Amino acid sequence: MKLLLTSGGVTNPSIHRALRETLGKPIEEATALIIPTAQWGHPMCSPQSAWMSTAGRWPERQDLVELGWKSVGLLELTALPSIDPDRWKPWVREADVLLVEGGDAMYLAFWMRESGLVELLPELTETVWVGISAGSMVMTPRVGDLFVEWNPAGGDEGLGLVDFSLFPHLDYPGWSENTSESAREWAEEIGGPAYAIDDQTAIAVVDGDVRIVSEGKWLPFGLAVDRDR
Protein backbone atom coordinates (compact mmCIF):
# COMPACT_ATOMS: atom_id res chain seq x y z
CA MET A 1 0.00 0.00 0.00
CA LYS A 2 1.14 3.53 -0.82
CA LEU A 3 0.54 6.16 1.85
CA LEU A 4 -0.03 9.89 1.73
CA LEU A 5 -0.35 10.88 5.37
CA THR A 6 -1.66 14.40 5.85
CA SER A 7 -2.79 16.61 8.69
CA GLY A 8 -5.41 18.62 6.81
CA GLY A 9 -5.82 16.91 3.45
CA VAL A 10 -4.69 17.85 -0.05
CA THR A 11 -4.36 21.52 0.84
CA ASN A 12 -1.75 22.90 -1.57
CA PRO A 13 -0.13 22.31 -4.98
CA SER A 14 2.82 20.35 -3.54
CA ILE A 15 0.59 17.81 -1.82
CA HIS A 16 -1.65 17.68 -4.89
CA ARG A 17 1.39 16.88 -7.05
CA ALA A 18 2.53 14.19 -4.60
CA LEU A 19 -0.92 12.61 -4.77
CA ARG A 20 -0.79 12.45 -8.58
CA GLU A 21 2.71 10.98 -8.48
CA THR A 22 1.72 8.38 -5.89
CA LEU A 23 -1.37 7.38 -7.87
CA GLY A 24 0.61 7.02 -11.07
CA LYS A 25 -2.37 8.22 -13.08
CA PRO A 26 -4.49 11.37 -13.42
CA ILE A 27 -6.91 11.95 -10.57
CA GLU A 28 -9.82 12.09 -13.02
CA GLU A 29 -9.05 8.47 -14.02
CA ALA A 30 -8.92 7.16 -10.44
CA THR A 31 -11.73 5.71 -8.33
CA ALA A 32 -11.97 6.51 -4.63
CA LEU A 33 -13.73 5.34 -1.47
CA ILE A 34 -14.08 7.70 1.47
CA ILE A 35 -13.98 6.26 5.00
CA PRO A 36 -15.57 8.61 7.60
CA THR A 37 -15.53 6.09 10.48
CA ALA A 38 -13.02 7.88 12.74
CA GLN A 39 -15.44 10.79 13.19
CA TRP A 40 -17.88 8.74 15.27
CA GLY A 41 -15.25 8.28 18.00
CA HIS A 42 -14.28 11.92 18.56
CA PRO A 43 -16.27 14.41 20.70
CA MET A 44 -15.54 17.31 18.30
CA CYS A 45 -17.19 15.46 15.39
CA SER A 46 -20.90 15.11 14.67
CA PRO A 47 -23.39 13.79 12.09
CA GLN A 48 -23.07 17.19 10.44
CA SER A 49 -19.28 16.97 10.15
CA ALA A 50 -19.49 13.42 8.79
CA TRP A 51 -21.97 14.59 6.14
CA MET A 52 -19.80 17.57 5.19
CA SER A 53 -16.82 15.24 4.74
CA THR A 54 -18.62 12.71 2.58
CA ALA A 55 -20.53 15.33 0.58
CA GLY A 56 -17.56 17.65 0.15
CA ARG A 57 -19.33 20.53 1.85
CA TRP A 58 -16.73 21.82 4.29
CA PRO A 59 -16.60 25.63 3.95
CA GLU A 60 -13.47 26.80 2.11
CA ARG A 61 -12.08 23.25 2.02
CA GLN A 62 -11.61 21.07 -1.05
CA ASP A 63 -9.17 18.45 0.03
CA LEU A 64 -10.66 14.95 -0.45
CA VAL A 65 -13.85 14.04 -2.29
CA GLU A 66 -13.83 17.29 -4.29
CA LEU A 67 -10.54 16.64 -6.11
CA GLY A 68 -12.10 15.46 -9.38
CA TRP A 69 -12.12 11.67 -9.01
CA LYS A 70 -13.63 9.45 -11.69
CA SER A 71 -15.95 8.21 -8.96
CA VAL A 72 -16.28 8.41 -5.17
CA GLY A 73 -18.03 5.85 -2.96
CA LEU A 74 -18.66 5.64 0.78
CA LEU A 75 -17.15 2.84 2.89
CA GLU A 76 -18.42 2.83 6.49
CA LEU A 77 -16.34 0.34 8.49
CA THR A 78 -18.87 -0.10 11.30
CA ALA A 79 -21.29 -1.63 8.76
CA LEU A 80 -18.87 -4.17 7.30
CA PRO A 81 -19.18 -6.89 9.99
CA SER A 82 -22.85 -7.23 9.01
CA ILE A 83 -22.02 -7.65 5.29
CA ASP A 84 -20.66 -10.73 3.54
CA PRO A 85 -16.93 -10.12 2.96
CA ASP A 86 -17.32 -11.43 -0.59
CA ARG A 87 -19.52 -8.42 -1.22
CA TRP A 88 -17.47 -5.57 0.26
CA LYS A 89 -13.89 -6.75 -0.33
CA PRO A 90 -14.16 -6.33 -4.12
CA TRP A 91 -15.22 -2.72 -3.55
CA VAL A 92 -11.96 -2.10 -1.72
CA ARG A 93 -9.77 -4.09 -4.10
CA GLU A 94 -11.15 -2.21 -7.10
CA ALA A 95 -10.61 1.27 -5.64
CA ASP A 96 -7.50 3.20 -6.61
CA VAL A 97 -7.50 5.25 -3.43
CA LEU A 98 -8.95 5.16 0.08
CA LEU A 99 -9.69 8.62 1.50
CA VAL A 100 -9.65 8.29 5.28
CA GLU A 101 -11.11 11.14 7.32
CA GLY A 102 -10.00 12.37 10.72
CA GLY A 103 -11.60 11.92 14.12
CA ASP A 104 -10.31 9.46 16.71
CA ALA A 105 -7.45 7.23 15.61
CA MET A 106 -8.08 4.53 18.22
CA TYR A 107 -11.73 4.24 17.21
CA LEU A 108 -10.63 3.93 13.60
CA ALA A 109 -8.00 1.29 14.47
CA PHE A 110 -10.62 -0.73 16.35
CA TRP A 111 -13.01 -0.77 13.41
CA MET A 112 -10.29 -1.48 10.89
CA ARG A 113 -9.52 -4.62 12.86
CA GLU A 114 -13.14 -5.48 13.67
CA SER A 115 -14.29 -5.06 10.06
CA GLY A 116 -11.50 -7.15 8.57
CA LEU A 117 -10.03 -4.27 6.57
CA VAL A 118 -6.63 -4.67 8.27
CA GLU A 119 -6.39 -8.25 6.99
CA LEU A 120 -7.02 -7.03 3.44
CA LEU A 121 -4.35 -4.30 3.45
CA PRO A 122 -1.39 -6.55 2.43
CA GLU A 123 -3.20 -7.31 -0.85
CA LEU A 124 -3.58 -3.62 -1.71
CA THR A 125 -0.05 -3.05 -3.00
CA GLU A 126 -1.05 -0.42 -5.58
CA THR A 127 -3.82 1.25 -3.57
CA VAL A 128 -3.15 4.74 -2.21
CA TRP A 129 -4.20 5.53 1.37
CA VAL A 130 -4.80 9.25 1.81
CA GLY A 131 -5.27 10.03 5.50
CA ILE A 132 -6.35 13.20 7.25
CA SER A 133 -5.25 13.56 10.89
CA ALA A 134 -6.53 10.39 12.63
CA GLY A 135 -6.74 8.75 9.21
CA SER A 136 -2.96 9.17 9.07
CA MET A 137 -2.18 8.54 12.74
CA VAL A 138 -3.88 5.14 12.66
CA MET A 139 -1.04 3.81 10.49
CA THR A 140 1.62 4.61 13.11
CA PRO A 141 2.91 2.52 16.04
CA ARG A 142 1.60 4.86 18.75
CA VAL A 143 -0.86 7.74 18.83
CA GLY A 144 0.10 9.18 22.20
CA ASP A 145 -2.23 9.78 25.15
CA LEU A 146 -2.77 13.39 24.06
CA PHE A 147 -4.82 12.22 21.08
CA VAL A 148 -6.78 9.33 22.61
CA GLU A 149 -10.45 10.23 23.09
CA TRP A 150 -11.90 6.71 22.73
CA ASN A 151 -10.39 3.42 23.85
CA PRO A 152 -12.27 1.43 26.49
CA ALA A 153 -9.51 -1.19 26.51
CA GLY A 154 -6.79 1.40 27.19
CA GLY A 155 -3.52 1.93 25.35
CA ASP A 156 -2.58 4.08 22.38
CA GLU A 157 -1.29 1.51 19.86
CA GLY A 158 -1.91 2.16 16.18
CA LEU A 159 -1.53 -0.36 13.37
CA GLY A 160 2.23 0.10 12.98
CA LEU A 161 2.31 0.12 9.17
CA VAL A 162 4.98 2.82 9.39
CA ASP A 163 7.77 3.07 11.95
CA PHE A 164 7.14 6.65 13.07
CA SER A 165 4.39 8.41 15.01
CA LEU A 166 2.54 11.54 13.90
CA PHE A 167 1.43 14.74 15.62
CA PRO A 168 -1.11 16.56 13.38
CA HIS A 169 -2.33 20.17 13.14
CA LEU A 170 0.95 21.63 14.37
CA ASP A 171 0.50 25.21 15.63
CA TYR A 172 -3.10 25.30 14.43
CA PRO A 173 -4.59 28.71 15.34
CA GLY A 174 -6.50 28.61 18.62
CA TRP A 175 -5.62 24.99 19.47
CA SER A 176 -3.56 25.22 22.64
CA GLU A 177 -2.79 21.48 22.71
CA ASN A 178 -1.23 21.55 19.23
CA THR A 179 1.65 23.96 19.83
CA SER A 180 5.27 23.17 18.99
CA GLU A 181 5.99 22.82 22.71
CA SER A 182 3.14 20.33 23.08
CA ALA A 183 4.57 18.41 20.12
CA ARG A 184 7.96 18.15 21.81
CA GLU A 185 6.38 16.90 25.06
CA TRP A 186 4.28 14.41 23.06
CA ALA A 187 7.40 13.17 21.25
CA GLU A 188 9.19 12.58 24.56
CA GLU A 189 6.27 10.43 25.70
CA ILE A 190 6.23 8.51 22.42
CA GLY A 191 9.91 7.75 22.79
CA GLY A 192 10.46 6.78 19.16
CA PRO A 193 10.78 8.34 15.71
CA ALA A 194 8.04 10.90 15.12
CA TYR A 195 6.99 13.95 13.14
CA ALA A 196 4.80 16.92 13.92
CA ILE A 197 3.17 18.36 10.79
CA ASP A 198 0.87 21.26 10.07
CA ASP A 199 -2.07 21.32 7.67
CA GLN A 200 0.16 22.33 4.75
CA THR A 201 2.35 19.24 5.14
CA ALA A 202 2.11 15.57 4.18
CA ILE A 203 4.31 12.49 4.49
CA ALA A 204 4.48 10.22 1.44
CA VAL A 205 5.51 6.60 2.05
CA VAL A 206 6.08 4.43 -1.03
CA ASP A 207 8.04 1.16 -0.98
CA GLY A 208 9.60 2.09 2.34
CA ASP A 209 10.76 5.50 1.12
CA VAL A 210 9.62 8.32 3.42
CA ARG A 211 9.37 11.83 2.00
CA ILE A 212 8.15 15.09 3.50
CA VAL A 213 5.98 17.22 1.20
CA SER A 214 5.40 20.65 2.67
CA GLU A 215 4.50 24.25 2.04
CA GLY A 216 4.23 24.81 5.77
CA LYS A 217 5.88 23.72 9.02
CA TRP A 218 7.03 20.34 10.28
CA LEU A 219 9.27 19.09 13.08
CA PRO A 220 11.21 15.81 12.98
CA PHE A 221 11.93 13.88 16.16
CA GLY A 222 14.71 11.35 15.64
CA LEU A 223 14.34 10.62 11.90
CA ALA A 224 15.76 12.31 8.80
CA VAL A 225 13.98 12.42 5.43
CA ASP A 226 14.16 14.22 2.12
CA ARG A 227 11.98 17.30 1.74
CA ASP A 228 10.15 18.51 -1.36
CA ARG A 229 10.82 22.15 -2.16
C-alpha atoms as a PDB file:
ATOM      1  CA  MET A   1       0.000   0.000   0.000  1.00  0.00           C
ATOM      2  CA  LYS A   2       1.139   3.526  -0.819  1.00  0.00           C
ATOM      3  CA  LEU A   3       0.538   6.157   1.853  1.00  0.00           C
ATOM      4  CA  LEU A   4      -0.030   9.893   1.732  1.00  0.00           C
ATOM      5  CA  LEU A   5      -0.347  10.881   5.375  1.00  0.00           C
ATOM      6  CA  THR A   6      -1.658  14.397   5.849  1.00  0.00           C
ATOM      7  CA  SER A   7      -2.794  16.611   8.690  1.00  0.00           C
ATOM      8  CA  GLY A   8      -5.406  18.620   6.812  1.00  0.00           C
ATOM      9  CA  GLY A   9      -5.822  16.910   3.445  1.00  0.00           C
ATOM     10  CA  VAL A  10      -4.685  17.851  -0.048  1.00  0.00           C
ATOM     11  CA  THR A  11      -4.356  21.516   0.838  1.00  0.00           C
ATOM     12  CA  ASN A  12      -1.750  22.896  -1.572  1.00  0.00           C
ATOM     13  CA  PRO A  13      -0.128  22.309  -4.980  1.00  0.00           C
ATOM     14  CA  SER A  14       2.819  20.350  -3.544  1.00  0.00           C
ATOM     15  CA  ILE A  15       0.587  17.806  -1.823  1.00  0.00           C
ATOM     16  CA  HIS A  16      -1.651  17.676  -4.888  1.00  0.00           C
ATOM     17  CA  ARG A  17       1.395  16.877  -7.054  1.00  0.00           C
ATOM     18  CA  ALA A  18       2.534  14.195  -4.599  1.00  0.00           C
ATOM     19  CA  LEU A  19      -0.921  12.612  -4.771  1.00  0.00           C
ATOM     20  CA  ARG A  20      -0.786  12.450  -8.575  1.00  0.00           C
ATOM     21  CA  GLU A  21       2.711  10.983  -8.477  1.00  0.00           C
ATOM     22  CA  THR A  22       1.722   8.381  -5.895  1.00  0.00           C
ATOM     23  CA  LEU A  23      -1.369   7.379  -7.868  1.00  0.00           C
ATOM     24  CA  GLY A  24       0.608   7.017 -11.067  1.00  0.00           C
ATOM     25  CA  LYS A  25      -2.375   8.218 -13.080  1.00  0.00           C
ATOM     26  CA  PRO A  26      -4.487  11.372 -13.420  1.00  0.00           C
ATOM     27  CA  ILE A  27      -6.915  11.946 -10.565  1.00  0.00           C
ATOM     28  CA  GLU A  28      -9.820  12.086 -13.021  1.00  0.00           C
ATOM     29  CA  GLU A  29      -9.048   8.473 -14.021  1.00  0.00           C
ATOM     30  CA  ALA A  30      -8.917   7.163 -10.440  1.00  0.00           C
ATOM     31  CA  THR A  31     -11.728   5.714  -8.328  1.00  0.00           C
ATOM     32  CA  ALA A  32     -11.973   6.513  -4.628  1.00  0.00           C
ATOM     33  CA  LEU A  33     -13.727   5.341  -1.474  1.00  0.00           C
ATOM     34  CA  ILE A  34     -14.085   7.696   1.474  1.00  0.00           C
ATOM     35  CA  ILE A  35     -13.983   6.262   5.001  1.00  0.00           C
ATOM     36  CA  PRO A  36     -15.573   8.608   7.599  1.00  0.00           C
ATOM     37  CA  THR A  37     -15.533   6.091  10.479  1.00  0.00           C
ATOM     38  CA  ALA A  38     -13.020   7.884  12.741  1.00  0.00           C
ATOM     39  CA  GLN A  39     -15.438  10.792  13.193  1.00  0.00           C
ATOM     40  CA  TRP A  40     -17.881   8.738  15.271  1.00  0.00           C
ATOM     41  CA  GLY A  41     -15.254   8.277  18.004  1.00  0.00           C
ATOM     42  CA  HIS A  42     -14.283  11.922  18.557  1.00  0.00           C
ATOM     43  CA  PRO A  43     -16.275  14.411  20.696  1.00  0.00           C
ATOM     44  CA  MET A  44     -15.540  17.306  18.305  1.00  0.00           C
ATOM     45  CA  CYS A  45     -17.191  15.461  15.394  1.00  0.00           C
ATOM     46  CA  SER A  46     -20.898  15.108  14.666  1.00  0.00           C
ATOM     47  CA  PRO A  47     -23.387  13.795  12.094  1.00  0.00           C
ATOM     48  CA  GLN A  48     -23.068  17.187  10.439  1.00  0.00           C
ATOM     49  CA  SER A  49     -19.279  16.975  10.146  1.00  0.00           C
ATOM     50  CA  ALA A  50     -19.494  13.420   8.786  1.00  0.00           C
ATOM     51  CA  TRP A  51     -21.971  14.594   6.138  1.00  0.00           C
ATOM     52  CA  MET A  52     -19.801  17.568   5.195  1.00  0.00           C
ATOM     53  CA  SER A  53     -16.815  15.242   4.736  1.00  0.00           C
ATOM     54  CA  THR A  54     -18.617  12.713   2.575  1.00  0.00           C
ATOM     55  CA  ALA A  55     -20.533  15.333   0.583  1.00  0.00           C
ATOM     56  CA  GLY A  56     -17.557  17.653   0.147  1.00  0.00           C
ATOM     57  CA  ARG A  57     -19.333  20.533   1.849  1.00  0.00           C
ATOM     58  CA  TRP A  58     -16.727  21.820   4.285  1.00  0.00           C
ATOM     59  CA  PRO A  59     -16.597  25.635   3.951  1.00  0.00           C
ATOM     60  CA  GLU A  60     -13.470  26.803   2.111  1.00  0.00           C
ATOM     61  CA  ARG A  61     -12.079  23.248   2.017  1.00  0.00           C
ATOM     62  CA  GLN A  62     -11.610  21.073  -1.054  1.00  0.00           C
ATOM     63  CA  ASP A  63      -9.171  18.445   0.034  1.00  0.00           C
ATOM     64  CA  LEU A  64     -10.655  14.951  -0.447  1.00  0.00           C
ATOM     65  CA  VAL A  65     -13.850  14.037  -2.287  1.00  0.00           C
ATOM     66  CA  GLU A  66     -13.826  17.290  -4.289  1.00  0.00           C
ATOM     67  CA  LEU A  67     -10.543  16.638  -6.114  1.00  0.00           C
ATOM     68  CA  GLY A  68     -12.100  15.458  -9.382  1.00  0.00           C
ATOM     69  CA  TRP A  69     -12.118  11.667  -9.010  1.00  0.00           C
ATOM     70  CA  LYS A  70     -13.628   9.453 -11.687  1.00  0.00           C
ATOM     71  CA  SER A  71     -15.954   8.210  -8.960  1.00  0.00           C
ATOM     72  CA  VAL A  72     -16.278   8.410  -5.169  1.00  0.00           C
ATOM     73  CA  GLY A  73     -18.029   5.852  -2.961  1.00  0.00           C
ATOM     74  CA  LEU A  74     -18.658   5.641   0.782  1.00  0.00           C
ATOM     75  CA  LEU A  75     -17.152   2.843   2.885  1.00  0.00           C
ATOM     76  CA  GLU A  76     -18.420   2.829   6.491  1.00  0.00           C
ATOM     77  CA  LEU A  77     -16.339   0.339   8.485  1.00  0.00           C
ATOM     78  CA  THR A  78     -18.873  -0.098  11.303  1.00  0.00           C
ATOM     79  CA  ALA A  79     -21.289  -1.629   8.759  1.00  0.00           C
ATOM     80  CA  LEU A  80     -18.872  -4.169   7.298  1.00  0.00           C
ATOM     81  CA  PRO A  81     -19.182  -6.889   9.988  1.00  0.00           C
ATOM     82  CA  SER A  82     -22.852  -7.229   9.010  1.00  0.00           C
ATOM     83  CA  ILE A  83     -22.025  -7.654   5.288  1.00  0.00           C
ATOM     84  CA  ASP A  84     -20.663 -10.726   3.539  1.00  0.00           C
ATOM     85  CA  PRO A  85     -16.926 -10.116   2.955  1.00  0.00           C
ATOM     86  CA  ASP A  86     -17.324 -11.433  -0.586  1.00  0.00           C
ATOM     87  CA  ARG A  87     -19.523  -8.425  -1.218  1.00  0.00           C
ATOM     88  CA  TRP A  88     -17.466  -5.566   0.255  1.00  0.00           C
ATOM     89  CA  LYS A  89     -13.887  -6.754  -0.330  1.00  0.00           C
ATOM     90  CA  PRO A  90     -14.162  -6.332  -4.124  1.00  0.00           C
ATOM     91  CA  TRP A  91     -15.222  -2.720  -3.547  1.00  0.00           C
ATOM     92  CA  VAL A  92     -11.959  -2.098  -1.719  1.00  0.00           C
ATOM     93  CA  ARG A  93      -9.768  -4.087  -4.104  1.00  0.00           C
ATOM     94  CA  GLU A  94     -11.154  -2.210  -7.104  1.00  0.00           C
ATOM     95  CA  ALA A  95     -10.609   1.272  -5.645  1.00  0.00           C
ATOM     96  CA  ASP A  96      -7.498   3.196  -6.610  1.00  0.00           C
ATOM     97  CA  VAL A  97      -7.502   5.252  -3.433  1.00  0.00           C
ATOM     98  CA  LEU A  98      -8.946   5.160   0.079  1.00  0.00           C
ATOM     99  CA  LEU A  99      -9.694   8.621   1.500  1.00  0.00           C
ATOM    100  CA  VAL A 100      -9.650   8.288   5.283  1.00  0.00           C
ATOM    101  CA  GLU A 101     -11.107  11.141   7.320  1.00  0.00           C
ATOM    102  CA  GLY A 102      -9.998  12.370  10.719  1.00  0.00           C
ATOM    103  CA  GLY A 103     -11.600  11.919  14.121  1.00  0.00           C
ATOM    104  CA  ASP A 104     -10.315   9.456  16.709  1.00  0.00           C
ATOM    105  CA  ALA A 105      -7.448   7.225  15.614  1.00  0.00           C
ATOM    106  CA  MET A 106      -8.082   4.529  18.217  1.00  0.00           C
ATOM    107  CA  TYR A 107     -11.726   4.236  17.205  1.00  0.00           C
ATOM    108  CA  LEU A 108     -10.632   3.930  13.598  1.00  0.00           C
ATOM    109  CA  ALA A 109      -8.005   1.293  14.466  1.00  0.00           C
ATOM    110  CA  PHE A 110     -10.618  -0.732  16.347  1.00  0.00           C
ATOM    111  CA  TRP A 111     -13.014  -0.771  13.410  1.00  0.00           C
ATOM    112  CA  MET A 112     -10.287  -1.476  10.893  1.00  0.00           C
ATOM    113  CA  ARG A 113      -9.517  -4.625  12.858  1.00  0.00           C
ATOM    114  CA  GLU A 114     -13.141  -5.479  13.668  1.00  0.00           C
ATOM    115  CA  SER A 115     -14.294  -5.059  10.060  1.00  0.00           C
ATOM    116  CA  GLY A 116     -11.500  -7.152   8.572  1.00  0.00           C
ATOM    117  CA  LEU A 117     -10.032  -4.269   6.568  1.00  0.00           C
ATOM    118  CA  VAL A 118      -6.631  -4.671   8.271  1.00  0.00           C
ATOM    119  CA  GLU A 119      -6.387  -8.249   6.990  1.00  0.00           C
ATOM    120  CA  LEU A 120      -7.020  -7.026   3.443  1.00  0.00           C
ATOM    121  CA  LEU A 121      -4.346  -4.303   3.447  1.00  0.00           C
ATOM    122  CA  PRO A 122      -1.394  -6.551   2.429  1.00  0.00           C
ATOM    123  CA  GLU A 123      -3.199  -7.306  -0.846  1.00  0.00           C
ATOM    124  CA  LEU A 124      -3.578  -3.624  -1.710  1.00  0.00           C
ATOM    125  CA  THR A 125      -0.052  -3.055  -2.996  1.00  0.00           C
ATOM    126  CA  GLU A 126      -1.054  -0.421  -5.577  1.00  0.00           C
ATOM    127  CA  THR A 127      -3.820   1.251  -3.570  1.00  0.00           C
ATOM    128  CA  VAL A 128      -3.148   4.740  -2.207  1.00  0.00           C
ATOM    129  CA  TRP A 129      -4.197   5.525   1.366  1.00  0.00           C
ATOM    130  CA  VAL A 130      -4.802   9.255   1.809  1.00  0.00           C
ATOM    131  CA  GLY A 131      -5.269  10.025   5.499  1.00  0.00           C
ATOM    132  CA  ILE A 132      -6.348  13.197   7.253  1.00  0.00           C
ATOM    133  CA  SER A 133      -5.253  13.560  10.888  1.00  0.00           C
ATOM    134  CA  ALA A 134      -6.535  10.391  12.630  1.00  0.00           C
ATOM    135  CA  GLY A 135      -6.743   8.752   9.212  1.00  0.00           C
ATOM    136  CA  SER A 136      -2.961   9.171   9.067  1.00  0.00           C
ATOM    137  CA  MET A 137      -2.176   8.537  12.745  1.00  0.00           C
ATOM    138  CA  VAL A 138      -3.883   5.136  12.659  1.00  0.00           C
ATOM    139  CA  MET A 139      -1.039   3.807  10.488  1.00  0.00           C
ATOM    140  CA  THR A 140       1.620   4.609  13.114  1.00  0.00           C
ATOM    141  CA  PRO A 141       2.908   2.516  16.042  1.00  0.00           C
ATOM    142  CA  ARG A 142       1.599   4.855  18.755  1.00  0.00           C
ATOM    143  CA  VAL A 143      -0.860   7.737  18.826  1.00  0.00           C
ATOM    144  CA  GLY A 144       0.105   9.179  22.203  1.00  0.00           C
ATOM    145  CA  ASP A 145      -2.226   9.776  25.146  1.00  0.00           C
ATOM    146  CA  LEU A 146      -2.774  13.394  24.064  1.00  0.00           C
ATOM    147  CA  PHE A 147      -4.822  12.217  21.084  1.00  0.00           C
ATOM    148  CA  VAL A 148      -6.775   9.326  22.614  1.00  0.00           C
ATOM    149  CA  GLU A 149     -10.446  10.234  23.095  1.00  0.00           C
ATOM    150  CA  TRP A 150     -11.896   6.709  22.734  1.00  0.00           C
ATOM    151  CA  ASN A 151     -10.395   3.421  23.846  1.00  0.00           C
ATOM    152  CA  PRO A 152     -12.275   1.427  26.492  1.00  0.00           C
ATOM    153  CA  ALA A 153      -9.510  -1.187  26.507  1.00  0.00           C
ATOM    154  CA  GLY A 154      -6.788   1.396  27.191  1.00  0.00           C
ATOM    155  CA  GLY A 155      -3.520   1.929  25.352  1.00  0.00           C
ATOM    156  CA  ASP A 156      -2.576   4.077  22.379  1.00  0.00           C
ATOM    157  CA  GLU A 157      -1.294   1.515  19.856  1.00  0.00           C
ATOM    158  CA  GLY A 158      -1.913   2.157  16.181  1.00  0.00           C
ATOM    159  CA  LEU A 159      -1.534  -0.358  13.367  1.00  0.00           C
ATOM    160  CA  GLY A 160       2.230   0.098  12.978  1.00  0.00           C
ATOM    161  CA  LEU A 161       2.310   0.123   9.173  1.00  0.00           C
ATOM    162  CA  VAL A 162       4.982   2.824   9.389  1.00  0.00           C
ATOM    163  CA  ASP A 163       7.770   3.073  11.948  1.00  0.00           C
ATOM    164  CA  PHE A 164       7.138   6.649  13.071  1.00  0.00           C
ATOM    165  CA  SER A 165       4.391   8.414  15.006  1.00  0.00           C
ATOM    166  CA  LEU A 166       2.540  11.540  13.901  1.00  0.00           C
ATOM    167  CA  PHE A 167       1.429  14.741  15.621  1.00  0.00           C
ATOM    168  CA  PRO A 168      -1.105  16.557  13.376  1.00  0.00           C
ATOM    169  CA  HIS A 169      -2.334  20.169  13.142  1.00  0.00           C
ATOM    170  CA  LEU A 170       0.946  21.626  14.370  1.00  0.00           C
ATOM    171  CA  ASP A 171       0.498  25.211  15.635  1.00  0.00           C
ATOM    172  CA  TYR A 172      -3.102  25.303  14.435  1.00  0.00           C
ATOM    173  CA  PRO A 173      -4.586  28.707  15.341  1.00  0.00           C
ATOM    174  CA  GLY A 174      -6.503  28.606  18.617  1.00  0.00           C
ATOM    175  CA  TRP A 175      -5.622  24.990  19.467  1.00  0.00           C
ATOM    176  CA  SER A 176      -3.559  25.216  22.641  1.00  0.00           C
ATOM    177  CA  GLU A 177      -2.789  21.478  22.711  1.00  0.00           C
ATOM    178  CA  ASN A 178      -1.232  21.545  19.234  1.00  0.00           C
ATOM    179  CA  THR A 179       1.654  23.958  19.826  1.00  0.00           C
ATOM    180  CA  SER A 180       5.265  23.170  18.993  1.00  0.00           C
ATOM    181  CA  GLU A 181       5.992  22.816  22.709  1.00  0.00           C
ATOM    182  CA  SER A 182       3.143  20.327  23.076  1.00  0.00           C
ATOM    183  CA  ALA A 183       4.567  18.414  20.122  1.00  0.00           C
ATOM    184  CA  ARG A 184       7.958  18.152  21.813  1.00  0.00           C
ATOM    185  CA  GLU A 185       6.380  16.901  25.055  1.00  0.00           C
ATOM    186  CA  TRP A 186       4.279  14.406  23.058  1.00  0.00           C
ATOM    187  CA  ALA A 187       7.402  13.172  21.253  1.00  0.00           C
ATOM    188  CA  GLU A 188       9.186  12.583  24.561  1.00  0.00           C
ATOM    189  CA  GLU A 189       6.265  10.434  25.703  1.00  0.00           C
ATOM    190  CA  ILE A 190       6.226   8.507  22.416  1.00  0.00           C
ATOM    191  CA  GLY A 191       9.915   7.750  22.785  1.00  0.00           C
ATOM    192  CA  GLY A 192      10.464   6.778  19.156  1.00  0.00           C
ATOM    193  CA  PRO A 193      10.784   8.342  15.705  1.00  0.00           C
ATOM    194  CA  ALA A 194       8.044  10.899  15.120  1.00  0.00           C
ATOM    195  CA  TYR A 195       6.988  13.945  13.138  1.00  0.00           C
ATOM    196  CA  ALA A 196       4.801  16.925  13.920  1.00  0.00           C
ATOM    197  CA  ILE A 197       3.174  18.364  10.786  1.00  0.00           C
ATOM    198  CA  ASP A 198       0.867  21.257  10.073  1.00  0.00           C
ATOM    199  CA  ASP A 199      -2.073  21.319   7.673  1.00  0.00           C
ATOM    200  CA  GLN A 200       0.158  22.333   4.747  1.00  0.00           C
ATOM    201  CA  THR A 201       2.350  19.244   5.136  1.00  0.00           C
ATOM    202  CA  ALA A 202       2.114  15.574   4.183  1.00  0.00           C
ATOM    203  CA  ILE A 203       4.311  12.493   4.488  1.00  0.00           C
ATOM    204  CA  ALA A 204       4.482  10.217   1.444  1.00  0.00           C
ATOM    205  CA  VAL A 205       5.515   6.596   2.054  1.00  0.00           C
ATOM    206  CA  VAL A 206       6.084   4.425  -1.026  1.00  0.00           C
ATOM    207  CA  ASP A 207       8.041   1.158  -0.985  1.00  0.00           C
ATOM    208  CA  GLY A 208       9.602   2.089   2.339  1.00  0.00           C
ATOM    209  CA  ASP A 209      10.764   5.499   1.124  1.00  0.00           C
ATOM    210  CA  VAL A 210       9.616   8.322   3.416  1.00  0.00           C
ATOM    211  CA  ARG A 211       9.372  11.832   1.995  1.00  0.00           C
ATOM    212  CA  ILE A 212       8.145  15.089   3.498  1.00  0.00           C
ATOM    213  CA  VAL A 213       5.982  17.220   1.199  1.00  0.00           C
ATOM    214  CA  SER A 214       5.404  20.653   2.672  1.00  0.00           C
ATOM    215  CA  GLU A 215       4.500  24.251   2.040  1.00  0.00           C
ATOM    216  CA  GLY A 216       4.231  24.808   5.773  1.00  0.00           C
ATOM    217  CA  LYS A 217       5.884  23.721   9.016  1.00  0.00           C
ATOM    218  CA  TRP A 218       7.034  20.344  10.278  1.00  0.00           C
ATOM    219  CA  LEU A 219       9.265  19.092  13.076  1.00  0.00           C
ATOM    220  CA  PRO A 220      11.211  15.806  12.983  1.00  0.00           C
ATOM    221  CA  PHE A 221      11.929  13.877  16.159  1.00  0.00           C
ATOM    222  CA  GLY A 222      14.714  11.352  15.636  1.00  0.00           C
ATOM    223  CA  LEU A 223      14.338  10.618  11.904  1.00  0.00           C
ATOM    224  CA  ALA A 224      15.758  12.312   8.804  1.00  0.00           C
ATOM    225  CA  VAL A 225      13.982  12.420   5.431  1.00  0.00           C
ATOM    226  CA  ASP A 226      14.155  14.218   2.120  1.00  0.00           C
ATOM    227  CA  ARG A 227      11.979  17.296   1.740  1.00  0.00           C
ATOM    228  CA  ASP A 228      10.147  18.505  -1.364  1.00  0.00           C
ATOM    229  CA  ARG A 229      10.816  22.154  -2.155  1.00  0.00           C
END
